[in-house]
N, C-alpha and C. Protein backbone atom coordinates (compact mmCIF):
# COMPACT_ATOMS: atom_id res chain seq x y z
N MET A 1 70.01 19.54 110.56
CA MET A 1 69.12 18.68 111.37
C MET A 1 67.93 18.24 110.57
N SER A 2 67.45 19.05 109.61
CA SER A 2 66.23 18.65 108.86
C SER A 2 66.53 17.44 107.97
N ALA A 3 67.76 17.07 107.77
CA ALA A 3 68.11 15.90 107.00
C ALA A 3 67.57 14.62 107.66
N ILE A 4 67.57 14.61 108.99
CA ILE A 4 67.00 13.44 109.67
C ILE A 4 65.55 13.33 109.41
N VAL A 5 64.81 14.51 109.38
CA VAL A 5 63.35 14.50 109.08
C VAL A 5 63.16 13.89 107.69
N GLU A 6 63.98 14.22 106.74
CA GLU A 6 63.88 13.75 105.40
C GLU A 6 64.09 12.18 105.45
N ARG A 7 65.08 11.75 106.16
CA ARG A 7 65.41 10.31 106.25
C ARG A 7 64.24 9.57 106.89
N LEU A 8 63.66 10.13 107.98
CA LEU A 8 62.60 9.48 108.68
C LEU A 8 61.31 9.36 107.84
N LEU A 9 61.01 10.45 107.10
CA LEU A 9 59.86 10.42 106.24
C LEU A 9 60.03 9.37 105.11
N LYS A 10 61.24 9.34 104.56
CA LYS A 10 61.55 8.36 103.52
C LYS A 10 61.46 6.91 104.07
N LEU A 11 61.96 6.69 105.31
CA LEU A 11 61.89 5.41 105.93
C LEU A 11 60.43 4.99 106.14
N LEU A 12 59.58 5.90 106.56
CA LEU A 12 58.18 5.61 106.74
C LEU A 12 57.51 5.30 105.41
N ALA A 13 57.90 6.06 104.39
CA ALA A 13 57.28 5.84 103.08
C ALA A 13 57.73 4.57 102.40
N THR A 14 58.97 4.15 102.67
CA THR A 14 59.46 2.97 101.94
C THR A 14 59.30 1.72 102.85
N ASN A 15 60.02 1.62 103.93
CA ASN A 15 59.92 0.42 104.78
C ASN A 15 58.56 0.41 105.48
N GLY A 16 57.91 1.53 105.55
CA GLY A 16 56.59 1.61 106.21
C GLY A 16 55.48 0.89 105.46
N VAL A 17 55.72 0.44 104.21
CA VAL A 17 54.69 -0.27 103.50
C VAL A 17 54.63 -1.76 104.03
N ARG A 18 55.60 -2.13 104.83
CA ARG A 18 55.53 -3.49 105.45
C ARG A 18 54.34 -3.61 106.36
N GLN A 19 53.81 -4.80 106.39
CA GLN A 19 52.71 -5.07 107.34
C GLN A 19 53.16 -4.87 108.79
N TYR A 20 52.28 -4.25 109.54
CA TYR A 20 52.62 -4.00 110.96
C TYR A 20 52.37 -5.27 111.77
N GLY A 21 53.41 -6.07 111.89
CA GLY A 21 53.30 -7.36 112.60
C GLY A 21 52.24 -8.24 112.00
N GLU A 22 51.31 -8.70 112.82
CA GLU A 22 50.19 -9.53 112.36
C GLU A 22 48.92 -8.68 112.22
N GLU A 23 49.08 -7.37 112.32
CA GLU A 23 47.92 -6.50 112.17
C GLU A 23 47.45 -6.38 110.69
N ARG A 24 46.35 -5.78 110.49
CA ARG A 24 45.84 -5.61 109.08
C ARG A 24 46.14 -4.24 108.51
N VAL A 25 47.16 -3.61 109.03
CA VAL A 25 47.59 -2.30 108.56
C VAL A 25 49.11 -2.36 108.34
N SER A 26 49.57 -1.40 107.54
CA SER A 26 51.00 -1.30 107.34
C SER A 26 51.63 -0.54 108.45
N GLN A 27 52.94 -0.56 108.57
CA GLN A 27 53.65 0.19 109.58
C GLN A 27 53.33 1.69 109.42
N CYS A 28 53.33 2.19 108.21
CA CYS A 28 53.08 3.62 107.99
C CYS A 28 51.63 3.99 108.30
N GLU A 29 50.66 3.16 107.94
CA GLU A 29 49.28 3.40 108.33
C GLU A 29 49.13 3.47 109.85
N HIS A 30 49.79 2.54 110.58
CA HIS A 30 49.77 2.55 112.00
C HIS A 30 50.35 3.87 112.57
N ALA A 31 51.50 4.27 112.02
CA ALA A 31 52.13 5.52 112.51
C ALA A 31 51.25 6.70 112.23
N LEU A 32 50.66 6.77 111.09
CA LEU A 32 49.78 7.91 110.72
C LEU A 32 48.54 7.95 111.60
N GLN A 33 47.99 6.79 111.93
CA GLN A 33 46.82 6.76 112.77
C GLN A 33 47.22 7.20 114.19
N CYS A 34 48.39 6.80 114.72
CA CYS A 34 48.85 7.26 116.02
C CYS A 34 48.99 8.77 116.09
N ALA A 35 49.63 9.28 115.04
CA ALA A 35 49.85 10.73 114.98
C ALA A 35 48.53 11.47 114.92
N LEU A 36 47.57 10.99 114.16
CA LEU A 36 46.29 11.64 114.10
C LEU A 36 45.59 11.61 115.45
N LEU A 37 45.65 10.46 116.13
CA LEU A 37 44.98 10.39 117.45
C LEU A 37 45.64 11.37 118.43
N ALA A 38 46.98 11.51 118.34
CA ALA A 38 47.66 12.49 119.20
C ALA A 38 47.20 13.91 118.87
N GLU A 39 47.01 14.22 117.61
CA GLU A 39 46.57 15.54 117.19
C GLU A 39 45.12 15.81 117.65
N GLN A 40 44.33 14.78 117.56
CA GLN A 40 42.89 14.94 117.99
C GLN A 40 42.82 15.19 119.48
N GLU A 41 43.80 14.78 120.25
CA GLU A 41 43.83 15.14 121.72
C GLU A 41 44.66 16.36 121.99
N ASP A 42 44.93 17.13 120.96
CA ASP A 42 45.72 18.38 121.14
C ASP A 42 47.05 18.15 121.83
N ALA A 43 47.71 17.09 121.53
CA ALA A 43 49.09 16.79 122.06
C ALA A 43 50.02 17.83 121.56
N PRO A 44 51.08 18.15 122.30
CA PRO A 44 52.11 19.03 121.79
C PRO A 44 52.81 18.41 120.59
N ARG A 45 53.43 19.26 119.78
CA ARG A 45 54.07 18.74 118.54
C ARG A 45 55.08 17.65 118.82
N SER A 46 55.84 17.82 119.96
CA SER A 46 56.84 16.81 120.30
C SER A 46 56.16 15.44 120.48
N LEU A 47 54.98 15.42 121.09
CA LEU A 47 54.27 14.17 121.34
C LEU A 47 53.65 13.63 120.04
N VAL A 48 53.17 14.51 119.18
CA VAL A 48 52.69 14.11 117.86
C VAL A 48 53.85 13.45 117.11
N ALA A 49 55.00 14.05 117.17
CA ALA A 49 56.21 13.49 116.53
C ALA A 49 56.51 12.11 117.14
N ALA A 50 56.47 12.03 118.43
CA ALA A 50 56.80 10.71 119.06
C ALA A 50 55.74 9.70 118.71
N ALA A 51 54.52 10.11 118.60
CA ALA A 51 53.43 9.15 118.21
C ALA A 51 53.68 8.62 116.80
N LEU A 52 54.04 9.53 115.87
CA LEU A 52 54.33 9.12 114.58
C LEU A 52 55.50 8.19 114.46
N LEU A 53 56.55 8.46 115.31
CA LEU A 53 57.75 7.71 115.23
C LEU A 53 57.96 6.65 116.22
N HIS A 54 56.95 6.32 117.01
CA HIS A 54 57.15 5.40 118.16
C HIS A 54 57.61 4.00 117.75
N ASP A 55 57.29 3.56 116.56
CA ASP A 55 57.72 2.23 116.07
C ASP A 55 58.81 2.30 115.05
N ILE A 56 59.52 3.43 114.93
CA ILE A 56 60.52 3.59 113.89
C ILE A 56 61.60 2.50 114.04
N GLY A 57 61.81 2.05 115.26
CA GLY A 57 62.79 0.92 115.44
C GLY A 57 62.53 -0.24 114.62
N HIS A 58 61.26 -0.59 114.41
CA HIS A 58 60.89 -1.74 113.55
C HIS A 58 61.35 -1.52 112.10
N LEU A 59 61.38 -0.25 111.70
CA LEU A 59 61.69 0.03 110.32
C LEU A 59 63.17 0.11 110.05
N LEU A 60 63.96 0.13 111.07
CA LEU A 60 65.41 0.20 110.94
C LEU A 60 66.03 -1.20 110.67
N TYR A 61 65.23 -2.19 110.88
CA TYR A 61 65.68 -3.59 110.51
C TYR A 61 65.42 -3.80 109.02
N ASP A 62 66.32 -4.60 108.37
CA ASP A 62 66.10 -5.06 107.08
C ASP A 62 64.91 -6.01 107.17
N ALA A 63 64.03 -6.07 106.20
CA ALA A 63 62.86 -6.91 106.20
C ALA A 63 63.21 -8.36 106.51
N SER A 64 64.35 -8.84 106.14
CA SER A 64 64.70 -10.24 106.35
C SER A 64 65.28 -10.50 107.78
N GLU A 65 65.57 -9.47 108.52
CA GLU A 65 66.25 -9.75 109.81
C GLU A 65 65.35 -9.38 111.03
N ARG A 66 64.14 -9.05 110.77
CA ARG A 66 63.16 -8.72 111.83
C ARG A 66 63.04 -9.90 112.78
N PRO A 67 63.37 -9.69 114.10
CA PRO A 67 63.36 -10.84 115.02
C PRO A 67 61.94 -11.18 115.62
N SER A 68 61.07 -10.21 115.69
CA SER A 68 59.80 -10.55 116.35
C SER A 68 59.00 -11.67 115.75
N PRO A 69 58.88 -11.82 114.45
CA PRO A 69 58.16 -12.92 113.88
C PRO A 69 58.77 -14.26 114.24
N ARG A 70 60.00 -14.24 114.67
CA ARG A 70 60.71 -15.51 115.10
C ARG A 70 60.57 -15.75 116.57
N GLY A 71 59.75 -14.92 117.32
CA GLY A 71 59.57 -15.13 118.69
C GLY A 71 60.58 -14.48 119.57
N VAL A 72 61.27 -13.44 119.06
CA VAL A 72 62.28 -12.72 119.83
C VAL A 72 61.88 -11.23 119.93
N ASP A 73 61.93 -10.72 121.14
CA ASP A 73 61.66 -9.28 121.34
C ASP A 73 62.73 -8.45 120.64
N ASP A 74 62.36 -7.65 119.71
CA ASP A 74 63.34 -6.95 118.91
C ASP A 74 63.83 -5.61 119.54
N ARG A 75 63.28 -5.31 120.77
CA ARG A 75 63.67 -4.11 121.46
C ARG A 75 63.63 -2.87 120.60
N HIS A 76 62.60 -2.81 119.72
CA HIS A 76 62.48 -1.68 118.73
C HIS A 76 62.38 -0.38 119.46
N GLU A 77 61.84 -0.38 120.65
CA GLU A 77 61.67 0.91 121.38
C GLU A 77 63.05 1.50 121.72
N GLU A 78 64.00 0.64 122.13
CA GLU A 78 65.34 1.11 122.45
C GLU A 78 66.07 1.54 121.19
N LEU A 79 66.00 0.79 120.13
CA LEU A 79 66.61 1.12 118.88
C LEU A 79 66.08 2.41 118.31
N GLY A 80 64.74 2.57 118.35
CA GLY A 80 64.13 3.79 117.86
C GLY A 80 64.55 5.02 118.68
N ALA A 81 64.53 4.93 120.02
CA ALA A 81 64.90 6.03 120.86
C ALA A 81 66.36 6.46 120.59
N LYS A 82 67.18 5.45 120.50
CA LYS A 82 68.63 5.77 120.25
C LYS A 82 68.82 6.49 118.94
N HIS A 83 68.05 6.10 117.96
CA HIS A 83 68.10 6.73 116.61
C HIS A 83 67.60 8.16 116.64
N LEU A 84 66.64 8.45 117.52
CA LEU A 84 65.99 9.78 117.54
C LEU A 84 66.58 10.74 118.52
N ARG A 85 67.27 10.26 119.59
CA ARG A 85 67.66 11.10 120.72
C ARG A 85 68.50 12.32 120.32
N GLU A 86 69.50 12.16 119.52
CA GLU A 86 70.43 13.27 119.19
C GLU A 86 69.65 14.39 118.51
N ALA A 87 68.83 14.06 117.56
CA ALA A 87 68.13 15.08 116.75
C ALA A 87 66.96 15.69 117.45
N PHE A 88 66.23 14.88 118.29
CA PHE A 88 64.99 15.31 118.86
C PHE A 88 65.04 15.52 120.40
N GLY A 89 65.97 14.91 121.06
CA GLY A 89 66.10 15.09 122.53
C GLY A 89 65.10 14.20 123.23
N ALA A 90 65.02 14.34 124.50
CA ALA A 90 64.22 13.48 125.37
C ALA A 90 62.73 13.61 125.13
N ALA A 91 62.20 14.73 124.76
CA ALA A 91 60.75 14.93 124.63
C ALA A 91 60.18 14.03 123.54
N VAL A 92 60.97 13.59 122.60
CA VAL A 92 60.51 12.63 121.60
C VAL A 92 61.07 11.28 121.84
N ALA A 93 62.34 11.17 122.16
CA ALA A 93 63.03 9.88 122.32
C ALA A 93 62.50 9.12 123.51
N GLU A 94 62.25 9.75 124.62
CA GLU A 94 61.87 9.07 125.88
C GLU A 94 60.46 8.43 125.77
N PRO A 95 59.43 9.14 125.30
CA PRO A 95 58.17 8.46 125.09
C PRO A 95 58.25 7.28 124.15
N VAL A 96 59.17 7.35 123.09
CA VAL A 96 59.31 6.26 122.22
C VAL A 96 59.98 5.15 123.00
N ARG A 97 61.03 5.41 123.76
CA ARG A 97 61.71 4.37 124.47
C ARG A 97 60.81 3.68 125.47
N LEU A 98 59.88 4.44 126.08
CA LEU A 98 59.03 3.88 127.15
C LEU A 98 57.66 3.34 126.68
N HIS A 99 57.33 3.44 125.41
CA HIS A 99 56.01 2.99 125.02
C HIS A 99 55.72 1.51 125.22
N VAL A 100 56.75 0.67 125.18
CA VAL A 100 56.52 -0.75 125.45
C VAL A 100 56.38 -0.98 126.95
N ALA A 101 57.15 -0.28 127.76
CA ALA A 101 57.00 -0.34 129.22
C ALA A 101 55.63 0.14 129.62
N ALA A 102 55.11 1.12 128.87
CA ALA A 102 53.77 1.69 129.16
C ALA A 102 52.71 0.60 128.93
N LYS A 103 52.87 -0.25 127.95
CA LYS A 103 51.93 -1.35 127.74
C LYS A 103 51.99 -2.29 128.93
N ARG A 104 53.19 -2.63 129.36
CA ARG A 104 53.32 -3.49 130.53
C ARG A 104 52.72 -2.87 131.80
N TYR A 105 52.88 -1.55 131.88
CA TYR A 105 52.32 -0.75 133.02
C TYR A 105 50.78 -0.82 132.96
N LEU A 106 50.23 -0.47 131.83
CA LEU A 106 48.74 -0.43 131.73
C LEU A 106 48.13 -1.78 131.97
N CYS A 107 48.79 -2.85 131.53
CA CYS A 107 48.27 -4.15 131.84
C CYS A 107 48.30 -4.46 133.28
N ALA A 108 49.19 -3.91 134.03
CA ALA A 108 49.32 -4.15 135.46
C ALA A 108 48.30 -3.36 136.24
N ILE A 109 48.00 -2.17 135.81
CA ILE A 109 47.12 -1.23 136.62
C ILE A 109 45.66 -1.15 136.14
N ASP A 110 45.41 -1.59 134.90
CA ASP A 110 44.09 -1.43 134.33
C ASP A 110 43.62 -2.77 133.73
N PRO A 111 42.87 -3.53 134.50
CA PRO A 111 42.49 -4.90 133.98
C PRO A 111 41.69 -4.79 132.69
N ALA A 112 40.97 -3.72 132.44
CA ALA A 112 40.27 -3.62 131.15
C ALA A 112 41.23 -3.38 129.99
N TYR A 113 42.37 -2.82 130.21
CA TYR A 113 43.27 -2.52 129.11
C TYR A 113 43.74 -3.79 128.38
N PHE A 114 44.05 -4.81 129.12
CA PHE A 114 44.46 -6.07 128.54
C PHE A 114 43.47 -6.57 127.49
N GLY A 115 42.20 -6.36 127.78
CA GLY A 115 41.14 -6.78 126.91
C GLY A 115 41.13 -6.01 125.59
N LEU A 116 41.78 -4.85 125.56
CA LEU A 116 41.85 -4.05 124.30
C LEU A 116 42.95 -4.46 123.40
N LEU A 117 43.86 -5.30 123.88
CA LEU A 117 45.07 -5.67 123.10
C LEU A 117 44.64 -6.60 121.99
N SER A 118 45.23 -6.39 120.83
CA SER A 118 45.07 -7.32 119.73
C SER A 118 45.79 -8.59 120.02
N ALA A 119 45.50 -9.63 119.31
CA ALA A 119 46.20 -10.91 119.53
C ALA A 119 47.73 -10.75 119.32
N ALA A 120 48.14 -9.95 118.36
CA ALA A 120 49.59 -9.72 118.11
C ALA A 120 50.15 -8.96 119.27
N SER A 121 49.42 -8.00 119.80
CA SER A 121 49.93 -7.25 120.94
C SER A 121 50.01 -8.07 122.20
N VAL A 122 49.15 -9.05 122.40
CA VAL A 122 49.20 -9.96 123.49
C VAL A 122 50.48 -10.81 123.36
N HIS A 123 50.71 -11.27 122.13
CA HIS A 123 51.88 -12.08 121.83
C HIS A 123 53.21 -11.29 122.16
N SER A 124 53.23 -10.01 121.68
CA SER A 124 54.49 -9.24 121.88
C SER A 124 54.60 -8.86 123.38
N LEU A 125 53.48 -8.70 124.11
CA LEU A 125 53.57 -8.51 125.55
C LEU A 125 54.30 -9.65 126.28
N GLU A 126 54.01 -10.86 125.79
CA GLU A 126 54.71 -12.02 126.40
C GLU A 126 56.20 -11.94 126.11
N LEU A 127 56.57 -11.56 124.87
CA LEU A 127 57.99 -11.45 124.53
C LEU A 127 58.63 -10.31 125.30
N GLN A 128 57.87 -9.31 125.64
CA GLN A 128 58.45 -8.14 126.27
C GLN A 128 58.48 -8.23 127.84
N GLY A 129 58.06 -9.35 128.35
CA GLY A 129 58.14 -9.59 129.80
C GLY A 129 56.83 -9.63 130.55
N GLY A 130 55.70 -9.46 129.85
CA GLY A 130 54.39 -9.50 130.49
C GLY A 130 54.08 -8.26 131.33
N ALA A 131 52.94 -8.32 131.97
CA ALA A 131 52.54 -7.13 132.80
C ALA A 131 53.52 -6.89 133.91
N PHE A 132 53.69 -5.61 134.25
CA PHE A 132 54.57 -5.29 135.36
C PHE A 132 54.02 -5.82 136.68
N THR A 133 54.94 -6.03 137.63
CA THR A 133 54.48 -6.23 139.01
C THR A 133 54.10 -4.91 139.57
N ILE A 134 53.50 -4.87 140.72
CA ILE A 134 53.13 -3.62 141.38
C ILE A 134 54.34 -2.71 141.58
N ALA A 135 55.49 -3.32 142.02
CA ALA A 135 56.67 -2.50 142.23
C ALA A 135 57.16 -1.95 140.94
N GLU A 136 57.18 -2.75 139.85
CA GLU A 136 57.61 -2.25 138.56
C GLU A 136 56.68 -1.16 138.08
N ALA A 137 55.40 -1.27 138.30
CA ALA A 137 54.49 -0.27 137.88
C ALA A 137 54.69 1.03 138.63
N ASP A 138 54.96 0.94 139.90
CA ASP A 138 55.23 2.18 140.69
C ASP A 138 56.53 2.78 140.15
N ALA A 139 57.50 2.01 139.94
CA ALA A 139 58.80 2.55 139.38
C ALA A 139 58.57 3.24 138.03
N PHE A 140 57.75 2.64 137.17
CA PHE A 140 57.50 3.17 135.88
C PHE A 140 56.82 4.54 136.01
N ARG A 141 55.76 4.59 136.82
CA ARG A 141 54.94 5.80 137.03
C ARG A 141 55.77 6.99 137.43
N SER A 142 56.91 6.75 138.15
CA SER A 142 57.71 7.84 138.63
C SER A 142 58.72 8.34 137.64
N MET A 143 58.87 7.65 136.47
CA MET A 143 59.83 8.07 135.47
C MET A 143 59.39 9.28 134.70
N PRO A 144 60.37 10.19 134.33
CA PRO A 144 60.03 11.26 133.44
C PRO A 144 59.51 10.70 132.09
N TYR A 145 58.52 11.30 131.60
CA TYR A 145 57.86 10.91 130.33
C TYR A 145 57.00 9.69 130.38
N ALA A 146 56.75 9.15 131.58
CA ALA A 146 55.85 8.03 131.68
C ALA A 146 54.47 8.36 131.22
N ASP A 147 53.97 9.56 131.61
CA ASP A 147 52.62 9.94 131.18
C ASP A 147 52.50 10.04 129.64
N GLU A 148 53.56 10.63 129.01
CA GLU A 148 53.57 10.78 127.58
C GLU A 148 53.59 9.37 126.87
N ALA A 149 54.43 8.48 127.43
CA ALA A 149 54.48 7.19 126.88
C ALA A 149 53.20 6.40 127.06
N THR A 150 52.48 6.64 128.16
CA THR A 150 51.17 5.97 128.36
C THR A 150 50.18 6.48 127.36
N ARG A 151 50.22 7.79 127.05
CA ARG A 151 49.29 8.31 126.01
C ARG A 151 49.59 7.67 124.66
N ILE A 152 50.91 7.62 124.35
CA ILE A 152 51.27 6.94 123.05
C ILE A 152 50.77 5.51 123.06
N ARG A 153 50.91 4.82 124.18
CA ARG A 153 50.50 3.38 124.20
C ARG A 153 49.08 3.22 123.95
N ARG A 154 48.21 4.11 124.47
CA ARG A 154 46.78 4.04 124.23
C ARG A 154 46.47 4.31 122.75
N TRP A 155 47.15 5.29 122.18
CA TRP A 155 46.94 5.55 120.78
C TRP A 155 47.43 4.38 119.93
N ASP A 156 48.56 3.78 120.35
CA ASP A 156 49.18 2.65 119.64
C ASP A 156 48.14 1.58 119.50
N GLU A 157 47.46 1.19 120.58
CA GLU A 157 46.51 0.10 120.55
C GLU A 157 45.30 0.39 119.68
N ALA A 158 44.93 1.68 119.61
CA ALA A 158 43.73 2.10 118.83
C ALA A 158 44.05 2.31 117.38
N ALA A 159 45.30 2.36 116.97
CA ALA A 159 45.73 2.67 115.62
C ALA A 159 46.00 1.46 114.79
N LYS A 160 45.02 0.62 114.64
CA LYS A 160 45.20 -0.59 113.86
C LYS A 160 43.99 -0.87 113.02
N LEU A 161 43.39 0.23 112.49
CA LEU A 161 42.15 0.13 111.78
C LEU A 161 42.38 0.15 110.23
N PRO A 162 42.15 -1.00 109.55
CA PRO A 162 42.34 -0.98 108.09
C PRO A 162 41.44 0.05 107.43
N GLY A 163 42.00 0.81 106.49
CA GLY A 163 41.26 1.74 105.71
C GLY A 163 40.93 3.06 106.39
N TYR A 164 41.41 3.28 107.59
CA TYR A 164 41.12 4.45 108.39
C TYR A 164 41.72 5.61 107.70
N GLU A 165 40.93 6.71 107.45
CA GLU A 165 41.45 7.89 106.78
C GLU A 165 42.33 8.72 107.70
N THR A 166 43.54 9.02 107.26
CA THR A 166 44.46 9.86 108.01
C THR A 166 44.96 11.00 107.10
N ARG A 167 45.78 11.83 107.71
CA ARG A 167 46.45 12.81 106.93
C ARG A 167 47.61 12.14 106.14
N PRO A 168 48.10 12.74 105.07
CA PRO A 168 49.28 12.17 104.37
C PRO A 168 50.48 12.29 105.20
N LEU A 169 51.48 11.53 104.96
CA LEU A 169 52.76 11.55 105.70
C LEU A 169 53.39 12.87 105.68
N GLU A 170 53.39 13.47 104.48
CA GLU A 170 54.02 14.80 104.37
C GLU A 170 53.41 15.87 105.24
N TYR A 171 52.22 15.73 105.64
CA TYR A 171 51.55 16.64 106.53
C TYR A 171 52.36 16.81 107.89
N TYR A 172 53.01 15.77 108.26
CA TYR A 172 53.71 15.80 109.61
C TYR A 172 55.12 16.33 109.55
N ARG A 173 55.55 16.72 108.33
CA ARG A 173 56.93 17.33 108.28
C ARG A 173 57.07 18.54 109.21
N PRO A 174 56.14 19.46 109.24
CA PRO A 174 56.30 20.62 110.13
C PRO A 174 56.35 20.22 111.63
N ALA A 175 55.57 19.25 112.00
CA ALA A 175 55.66 18.78 113.40
C ALA A 175 56.98 18.14 113.70
N LEU A 176 57.48 17.39 112.79
CA LEU A 176 58.85 16.77 112.98
C LEU A 176 59.91 17.89 113.08
N ILE A 177 59.82 18.85 112.17
CA ILE A 177 60.85 19.92 112.18
C ILE A 177 60.73 20.76 113.47
N ALA A 178 59.47 21.05 113.89
CA ALA A 178 59.29 21.78 115.15
C ALA A 178 59.80 21.02 116.34
N ALA A 179 59.73 19.73 116.31
CA ALA A 179 60.17 18.85 117.46
C ALA A 179 61.68 18.70 117.50
N LEU A 180 62.43 19.08 116.46
CA LEU A 180 63.89 18.93 116.49
C LEU A 180 64.47 19.79 117.58
N ARG A 181 65.60 19.35 118.11
CA ARG A 181 66.32 20.17 119.08
C ARG A 181 66.75 21.43 118.41
N SER A 182 66.74 22.53 119.10
CA SER A 182 67.26 23.79 118.45
C SER A 182 68.73 23.91 118.70
């Protein structure tokens, strides 16, 4: 099982050098900032792992085939969760799968949250279906791992700071190994 940890760390180190959408950080910098924010809030290791890996679906695409710059929702959350589920189980895969829905949820229930979104995040929100309706928000809130996904979503929006000092990628190996299914 630790082979997947090795593959994920390598993917973050190689494909993670790509720019994170239209943000001024790389995919890996964004992932490391999210994981650091999770740690600073004393999140359990599974949630730290999910924070680090929440956008792994973006990195599974070849650089030339990424659909979002072309105005298509790449459904990276589904792709990432599918990639992680067998090795990590629901505690990691579900918050990853739900982090986009959590953005739509937060935009529906917290008017101030929309104001925190970067221009790129506003654009992706449109591609992802926009803010939830009240009924959709209620349905989301009742889902297992909705709270964890909402925490990741808040870290996600805050983790776009160029030059922000984080821990090195290798630091998270123990958290990833601890989050593996036994």
